[in-house]
């Protein structure tokens, strides 16, 4: 992914029984990507998402346009 160390962050709204993801927003400026991982498996795989796509996802979640499962 990168040689820079990701600084993982979990939302303060993540008190839902452990079904959370963490993001490393510190890599957006340098790499234009947002690494995402499962907070229950920090040593597991990391999904790297383009910053623009992640921003669109966040906007969709906040606006309620993505629905619920």
PDB file of N, CA and C in Angstrom:
ATOM      1  N   UNK A   1       0.838  -1.183   0.000  1.00  0.00           N
ATOM      2  CA  UNK A   1       0.000   0.000   0.000  1.00  0.00           C
ATOM      3  C   UNK A   1       0.879   1.240   0.000  1.00  0.00           C
ATOM      4  N   UNK A   2       1.700   1.433   1.025  1.00  0.00           N
ATOM      5  CA  UNK A   2       2.566   2.595   1.126  1.00  0.00           C
ATOM      6  C   UNK A   2       3.613   2.368   2.196  1.00  0.00           C
ATOM      7  N   UNK A   3       4.658   3.183   2.152  1.00  0.00           N
ATOM      8  CA  UNK A   3       5.662   3.071   3.202  1.00  0.00           C
ATOM      9  C   UNK A   3       5.328   3.977   4.378  1.00  0.00           C
ATOM     10  N   UNK A   4       4.406   4.918   4.197  1.00  0.00           N
ATOM     11  CA  UNK A   4       3.968   5.770   5.295  1.00  0.00           C
ATOM     12  C   UNK A   4       3.027   4.980   6.201  1.00  0.00           C
ATOM     13  N   UNK A   5       3.180   5.164   7.507  1.00  0.00           N
ATOM     14  CA  UNK A   5       2.356   4.433   8.470  1.00  0.00           C
ATOM     15  C   UNK A   5       0.949   5.008   8.525  1.00  0.00           C
ATOM     16  N   UNK A   6      -0.066   4.176   8.305  1.00  0.00           N
ATOM     17  CA  UNK A   6      -1.444   4.660   8.425  1.00  0.00           C
ATOM     18  C   UNK A   6      -1.786   4.966   9.883  1.00  0.00           C
ATOM     19  N   UNK A   7      -2.510   6.038  10.103  1.00  0.00           N
ATOM     20  CA  UNK A   7      -3.014   6.383  11.437  1.00  0.00           C
ATOM     21  C   UNK A   7      -4.501   6.052  11.423  1.00  0.00           C
ATOM     22  N   UNK A   8      -4.838   4.885  11.965  1.00  0.00           N
ATOM     23  CA  UNK A   8      -6.196   4.362  11.888  1.00  0.00           C
ATOM     24  C   UNK A   8      -7.126   5.119  12.811  1.00  0.00           C
ATOM     25  N   UNK A   9      -8.346   5.338  12.332  1.00  0.00           N
ATOM     26  CA  UNK A   9      -9.363   6.070  13.081  1.00  0.00           C
ATOM     27  C   UNK A   9     -10.707   5.355  12.931  1.00  0.00           C
ATOM     28  N   UNK A  10     -11.389   5.211  14.050  1.00  0.00           N
ATOM     29  CA  UNK A  10     -12.734   4.630  14.054  1.00  0.00           C
ATOM     30  C   UNK A  10     -13.704   5.732  14.485  1.00  0.00           C
ATOM     31  N   UNK A  11     -14.833   5.808  13.857  1.00  0.00           N
ATOM     32  CA  UNK A  11     -15.816   6.834  14.155  1.00  0.00           C
ATOM     33  C   UNK A  11     -16.255   6.785  15.618  1.00  0.00           C
ATOM     34  N   UNK A  12     -16.543   7.951  16.162  1.00  0.00           N
ATOM     35  CA  UNK A  12     -17.065   8.013  17.534  1.00  0.00           C
ATOM     36  C   UNK A  12     -18.482   7.445  17.599  1.00  0.00           C
ATOM     37  N   UNK A  13     -19.123   7.233  16.457  1.00  0.00           N
ATOM     38  CA  UNK A  13     -20.461   6.639  16.387  1.00  0.00           C
ATOM     39  C   UNK A  13     -20.404   5.119  16.340  1.00  0.00           C
ATOM     40  N   UNK A  14     -19.235   4.540  16.502  1.00  0.00           N
ATOM     41  CA  UNK A  14     -19.042   3.105  16.303  1.00  0.00           C
ATOM     42  C   UNK A  14     -19.321   2.260  17.535  1.00  0.00           C
ATOM     43  N   UNK A  15     -20.348   2.568  18.253  1.00  0.00           N
ATOM     44  CA  UNK A  15     -20.724   1.771  19.418  1.00  0.00           C
ATOM     45  C   UNK A  15     -21.900   0.870  19.054  1.00  0.00           C
ATOM     46  N   UNK A  16     -21.677   0.008  18.038  1.00  0.00           N
ATOM     47  CA  UNK A  16     -22.772  -0.820  17.537  1.00  0.00           C
ATOM     48  C   UNK A  16     -22.477  -2.307  17.677  1.00  0.00           C
ATOM     49  N   UNK A  17     -21.703  -2.683  18.650  1.00  0.00           N
ATOM     50  CA  UNK A  17     -21.441  -4.097  18.858  1.00  0.00           C
ATOM     51  C   UNK A  17     -20.253  -4.635  18.080  1.00  0.00           C
ATOM     52  N   UNK A  18     -19.402  -3.772  17.580  1.00  0.00           N
ATOM     53  CA  UNK A  18     -18.185  -4.222  16.937  1.00  0.00           C
ATOM     54  C   UNK A  18     -18.230  -4.322  15.428  1.00  0.00           C
ATOM     55  N   UNK A  19     -19.329  -3.950  14.797  1.00  0.00           N
ATOM     56  CA  UNK A  19     -19.417  -3.994  13.333  1.00  0.00           C
ATOM     57  C   UNK A  19     -18.929  -2.664  12.762  1.00  0.00           C
ATOM     58  N   UNK A  20     -17.625  -2.461  12.814  1.00  0.00           N
ATOM     59  CA  UNK A  20     -17.058  -1.168  12.466  1.00  0.00           C
ATOM     60  C   UNK A  20     -15.912  -1.315  11.475  1.00  0.00           C
ATOM     61  N   UNK A  21     -15.637  -0.227  10.804  1.00  0.00           N
ATOM     62  CA  UNK A  21     -14.445  -0.138   9.977  1.00  0.00           C
ATOM     63  C   UNK A  21     -13.599   1.012  10.495  1.00  0.00           C
ATOM     64  N   UNK A  22     -12.325   0.969  10.159  1.00  0.00           N
ATOM     65  CA  UNK A  22     -11.402   2.044  10.486  1.00  0.00           C
ATOM     66  C   UNK A  22     -10.840   2.584   9.183  1.00  0.00           C
ATOM     67  N   UNK A  23     -10.540   3.874   9.164  1.00  0.00           N
ATOM     68  CA  UNK A  23      -9.936   4.494   7.994  1.00  0.00           C
ATOM     69  C   UNK A  23      -8.643   5.179   8.400  1.00  0.00           C
ATOM     70  N   UNK A  24      -7.743   5.328   7.446  1.00  0.00           N
ATOM     71  CA  UNK A  24      -6.475   6.031   7.677  1.00  0.00           C
ATOM     72  C   UNK A  24      -6.463   7.269   6.788  1.00  0.00           C
ATOM     73  N   UNK A  25      -7.109   8.316   7.258  1.00  0.00           N
ATOM     74  CA  UNK A  25      -7.275   9.533   6.464  1.00  0.00           C
ATOM     75  C   UNK A  25      -5.968  10.297   6.269  1.00  0.00           C
ATOM     76  N   UNK A  26      -4.941   9.984   7.034  1.00  0.00           N
ATOM     77  CA  UNK A  26      -3.672  10.704   6.891  1.00  0.00           C
ATOM     78  C   UNK A  26      -2.989  10.439   5.557  1.00  0.00           C
ATOM     79  N   UNK A  27      -3.430   9.437   4.816  1.00  0.00           N
ATOM     80  CA  UNK A  27      -2.797   9.116   3.540  1.00  0.00           C
ATOM     81  C   UNK A  27      -3.500   9.765   2.347  1.00  0.00           C
ATOM     82  N   UNK A  28      -4.590  10.478   2.578  1.00  0.00           N
ATOM     83  CA  UNK A  28      -5.342  11.078   1.482  1.00  0.00           C
ATOM     84  C   UNK A  28      -4.490  12.080   0.710  1.00  0.00           C
ATOM     85  N   UNK A  29      -3.863  13.008   1.412  1.00  0.00           N
ATOM     86  CA  UNK A  29      -3.098  14.056   0.745  1.00  0.00           C
ATOM     87  C   UNK A  29      -1.919  13.544  -0.048  1.00  0.00           C
ATOM     88  N   UNK A  30      -1.201  12.608   0.477  1.00  0.00           N
ATOM     89  CA  UNK A  30       0.006  12.110  -0.180  1.00  0.00           C
ATOM     90  C   UNK A  30      -0.303  11.111  -1.290  1.00  0.00           C
ATOM     91  N   UNK A  31      -1.310  10.265  -1.092  1.00  0.00           N
ATOM     92  CA  UNK A  31      -1.562   9.171  -2.025  1.00  0.00           C
ATOM     93  C   UNK A  31      -2.897   9.252  -2.744  1.00  0.00           C
ATOM     94  N   UNK A  32      -3.798  10.118  -2.266  1.00  0.00           N
ATOM     95  CA  UNK A  32      -5.110  10.225  -2.901  1.00  0.00           C
ATOM     96  C   UNK A  32      -5.992   9.030  -2.659  1.00  0.00           C
ATOM     97  N   UNK A  33      -5.686   8.256  -1.627  1.00  0.00           N
ATOM     98  CA  UNK A  33      -6.466   7.066  -1.306  1.00  0.00           C
ATOM     99  C   UNK A  33      -6.841   7.047   0.169  1.00  0.00           C
ATOM    100  N   UNK A  34      -7.867   6.256   0.479  1.00  0.00           N
ATOM    101  CA  UNK A  34      -8.299   6.059   1.862  1.00  0.00           C
ATOM    102  C   UNK A  34      -8.235   4.570   2.155  1.00  0.00           C
ATOM    103  N   UNK A  35      -7.259   4.129   2.956  1.00  0.00           N
ATOM    104  CA  UNK A  35      -7.232   2.725   3.370  1.00  0.00           C
ATOM    105  C   UNK A  35      -8.372   2.451   4.369  1.00  0.00           C
ATOM    106  N   UNK A  36      -9.036   1.315   4.215  1.00  0.00           N
ATOM    107  CA  UNK A  36     -10.153   0.927   5.077  1.00  0.00           C
ATOM    108  C   UNK A  36      -9.914  -0.503   5.536  1.00  0.00           C
ATOM    109  N   UNK A  37     -10.160  -0.775   6.823  1.00  0.00           N
ATOM    110  CA  UNK A  37      -9.996  -2.137   7.342  1.00  0.00           C
ATOM    111  C   UNK A  37     -11.087  -2.439   8.357  1.00  0.00           C
ATOM    112  N   UNK A  38     -11.273  -3.706   8.635  1.00  0.00           N
ATOM    113  CA  UNK A  38     -12.225  -4.183   9.634  1.00  0.00           C
ATOM    114  C   UNK A  38     -11.614  -3.961  11.012  1.00  0.00           C
ATOM    115  N   UNK A  39     -12.307  -3.251  11.873  1.00  0.00           N
ATOM    116  CA  UNK A  39     -11.760  -2.945  13.199  1.00  0.00           C
ATOM    117  C   UNK A  39     -11.590  -4.193  14.060  1.00  0.00           C
ATOM    118  N   UNK A  40     -12.332  -5.265  13.751  1.00  0.00           N
ATOM    119  CA  UNK A  40     -12.197  -6.511  14.520  1.00  0.00           C
ATOM    120  C   UNK A  40     -10.998  -7.332  14.076  1.00  0.00           C
ATOM    121  N   UNK A  41     -10.424  -6.990  12.924  1.00  0.00           N
ATOM    122  CA  UNK A  41      -9.299  -7.751  12.378  1.00  0.00           C
ATOM    123  C   UNK A  41      -8.227  -6.778  11.869  1.00  0.00           C
ATOM    124  N   UNK A  42      -7.563  -6.047  12.777  1.00  0.00           N
ATOM    125  CA  UNK A  42      -6.620  -5.027  12.352  1.00  0.00           C
ATOM    126  C   UNK A  42      -5.416  -5.566  11.588  1.00  0.00           C
ATOM    127  N   UNK A  43      -5.119  -6.829  11.710  1.00  0.00           N
ATOM    128  CA  UNK A  43      -4.009  -7.414  10.963  1.00  0.00           C
ATOM    129  C   UNK A  43      -4.441  -8.019   9.637  1.00  0.00           C
ATOM    130  N   UNK A  44      -5.721  -7.903   9.339  1.00  0.00           N
ATOM    131  CA  UNK A  44      -6.270  -8.493   8.122  1.00  0.00           C
ATOM    132  C   UNK A  44      -6.088  -7.607   6.909  1.00  0.00           C
ATOM    133  N   UNK A  45      -6.819  -7.914   5.847  1.00  0.00           N
ATOM    134  CA  UNK A  45      -6.655  -7.172   4.597  1.00  0.00           C
ATOM    135  C   UNK A  45      -7.118  -5.721   4.715  1.00  0.00           C
ATOM    136  N   UNK A  46      -6.551  -4.895   3.855  1.00  0.00           N
ATOM    137  CA  UNK A  46      -6.888  -3.475   3.793  1.00  0.00           C
ATOM    138  C   UNK A  46      -7.406  -3.181   2.386  1.00  0.00           C
ATOM    139  N   UNK A  47      -8.536  -2.524   2.321  1.00  0.00           N
ATOM    140  CA  UNK A  47      -9.105  -2.095   1.059  1.00  0.00           C
ATOM    141  C   UNK A  47      -8.683  -0.643   0.846  1.00  0.00           C
ATOM    142  N   UNK A  48      -8.061  -0.337  -0.284  1.00  0.00           N
ATOM    143  CA  UNK A  48      -7.636   1.029  -0.583  1.00  0.00           C
ATOM    144  C   UNK A  48      -8.599   1.618  -1.600  1.00  0.00           C
ATOM    145  N   UNK A  49      -9.267   2.697  -1.197  1.00  0.00           N
ATOM    146  CA  UNK A  49     -10.312   3.313  -2.002  1.00  0.00           C
ATOM    147  C   UNK A  49      -9.842   4.691  -2.469  1.00  0.00           C
ATOM    148  N   UNK A  50     -10.065   5.044  -3.746  1.00  0.00           N
ATOM    149  CA  UNK A  50      -9.741   6.407  -4.184  1.00  0.00           C
ATOM    150  C   UNK A  50     -10.485   7.425  -3.316  1.00  0.00           C
ATOM    151  N   UNK A  51      -9.826   8.523  -2.976  1.00  0.00           N
ATOM    152  CA  UNK A  51     -10.400   9.523  -2.069  1.00  0.00           C
ATOM    153  C   UNK A  51     -11.738  10.058  -2.569  1.00  0.00           C
ATOM    154  N   UNK A  52     -11.863  10.277  -3.870  1.00  0.00           N
ATOM    155  CA  UNK A  52     -13.118  10.806  -4.420  1.00  0.00           C
ATOM    156  C   UNK A  52     -14.267   9.815  -4.231  1.00  0.00           C
ATOM    157  N   UNK A  53     -13.990   8.541  -4.433  1.00  0.00           N
ATOM    158  CA  UNK A  53     -15.017   7.511  -4.253  1.00  0.00           C
ATOM    159  C   UNK A  53     -15.422   7.400  -2.794  1.00  0.00           C
ATOM    160  N   UNK A  54     -14.460   7.494  -1.881  1.00  0.00           N
ATOM    161  CA  UNK A  54     -14.775   7.420  -0.460  1.00  0.00           C
ATOM    162  C   UNK A  54     -15.614   8.622  -0.040  1.00  0.00           C
ATOM    163  N   UNK A  55     -15.264   9.806  -0.552  1.00  0.00           N
ATOM    164  CA  UNK A  55     -16.041  11.011  -0.231  1.00  0.00           C
ATOM    165  C   UNK A  55     -17.480  10.860  -0.715  1.00  0.00           C
ATOM    166  N   UNK A  56     -17.673  10.311  -1.909  1.00  0.00           N
ATOM    167  CA  UNK A  56     -19.028  10.085  -2.426  1.00  0.00           C
ATOM    168  C   UNK A  56     -19.795   9.098  -1.549  1.00  0.00           C
ATOM    169  N   UNK A  57     -19.113   8.061  -1.091  1.00  0.00           N
ATOM    170  CA  UNK A  57     -19.727   7.081  -0.195  1.00  0.00           C
ATOM    171  C   UNK A  57     -20.193   7.753   1.102  1.00  0.00           C
ATOM    172  N   UNK A  58     -19.338   8.565   1.695  1.00  0.00           N
ATOM    173  CA  UNK A  58     -19.684   9.245   2.956  1.00  0.00           C
ATOM    174  C   UNK A  58     -20.874  10.173   2.745  1.00  0.00           C
ATOM    175  N   UNK A  59     -20.881  10.908   1.646  1.00  0.00           N
ATOM    176  CA  UNK A  59     -22.007  11.793   1.344  1.00  0.00           C
ATOM    177  C   UNK A  59     -23.299  10.977   1.219  1.00  0.00           C
ATOM    178  N   UNK A  60     -23.226   9.837   0.540  1.00  0.00           N
ATOM    179  CA  UNK A  60     -24.395   8.974   0.389  1.00  0.00           C
ATOM    180  C   UNK A  60     -24.908   8.448   1.709  1.00  0.00           C
ATOM    181  N   UNK A  61     -23.995   8.058   2.592  1.00  0.00           N
ATOM    182  CA  UNK A  61     -24.396   7.561   3.914  1.00  0.00           C
ATOM    183  C   UNK A  61     -25.066   8.670   4.712  1.00  0.00           C
ATOM    184  N   UNK A  62     -24.430   9.842   4.745  1.00  0.00           N
ATOM    185  CA  UNK A  62     -24.971  10.954   5.527  1.00  0.00           C
ATOM    186  C   UNK A  62     -26.330  11.425   5.020  1.00  0.00           C
ATOM    187  N   UNK A  63     -26.540  11.333   3.715  1.00  0.00           N
ATOM    188  CA  UNK A  63     -27.797  11.817   3.146  1.00  0.00           C
ATOM    189  C   UNK A  63     -28.912  10.765   3.204  1.00  0.00           C
ATOM    190  N   UNK A  64     -28.555   9.523   3.564  1.00  0.00           N
ATOM    191  CA  UNK A  64     -29.545   8.454   3.654  1.00  0.00           C
ATOM    192  C   UNK A  64     -29.880   7.816   2.324  1.00  0.00           C
ATOM    193  N   UNK A  65     -29.105   8.088   1.284  1.00  0.00           N
ATOM    194  CA  UNK A  65     -29.398   7.557  -0.043  1.00  0.00           C
ATOM    195  C   UNK A  65     -28.920   6.117  -0.254  1.00  0.00           C
ATOM    196  N   UNK A  66     -28.235   5.531   0.705  1.00  0.00           N
ATOM    197  CA  UNK A  66     -27.733   4.177   0.527  1.00  0.00           C
ATOM    198  C   UNK A  66     -28.624   3.116   1.149  1.00  0.00           C
ATOM    199  N   UNK A  67     -29.601   3.528   1.921  1.00  0.00           N
ATOM    200  CA  UNK A  67     -30.521   2.559   2.511  1.00  0.00           C
ATOM    201  C   UNK A  67     -29.892   1.788   3.658  1.00  0.00           C
ATOM    202  N   UNK A  68     -30.637   0.817   4.151  1.00  0.00           N
ATOM    203  CA  UNK A  68     -30.164  -0.021   5.243  1.00  0.00           C
ATOM    204  C   UNK A  68     -30.422  -1.477   4.902  1.00  0.00           C
ATOM    205  N   UNK A  69     -29.666  -2.346   5.546  1.00  0.00           N
ATOM    206  CA  UNK A  69     -29.817  -3.779   5.336  1.00  0.00           C
ATOM    207  C   UNK A  69     -30.341  -4.405   6.601  1.00  0.00           C
TER     208      UNK A  69
END
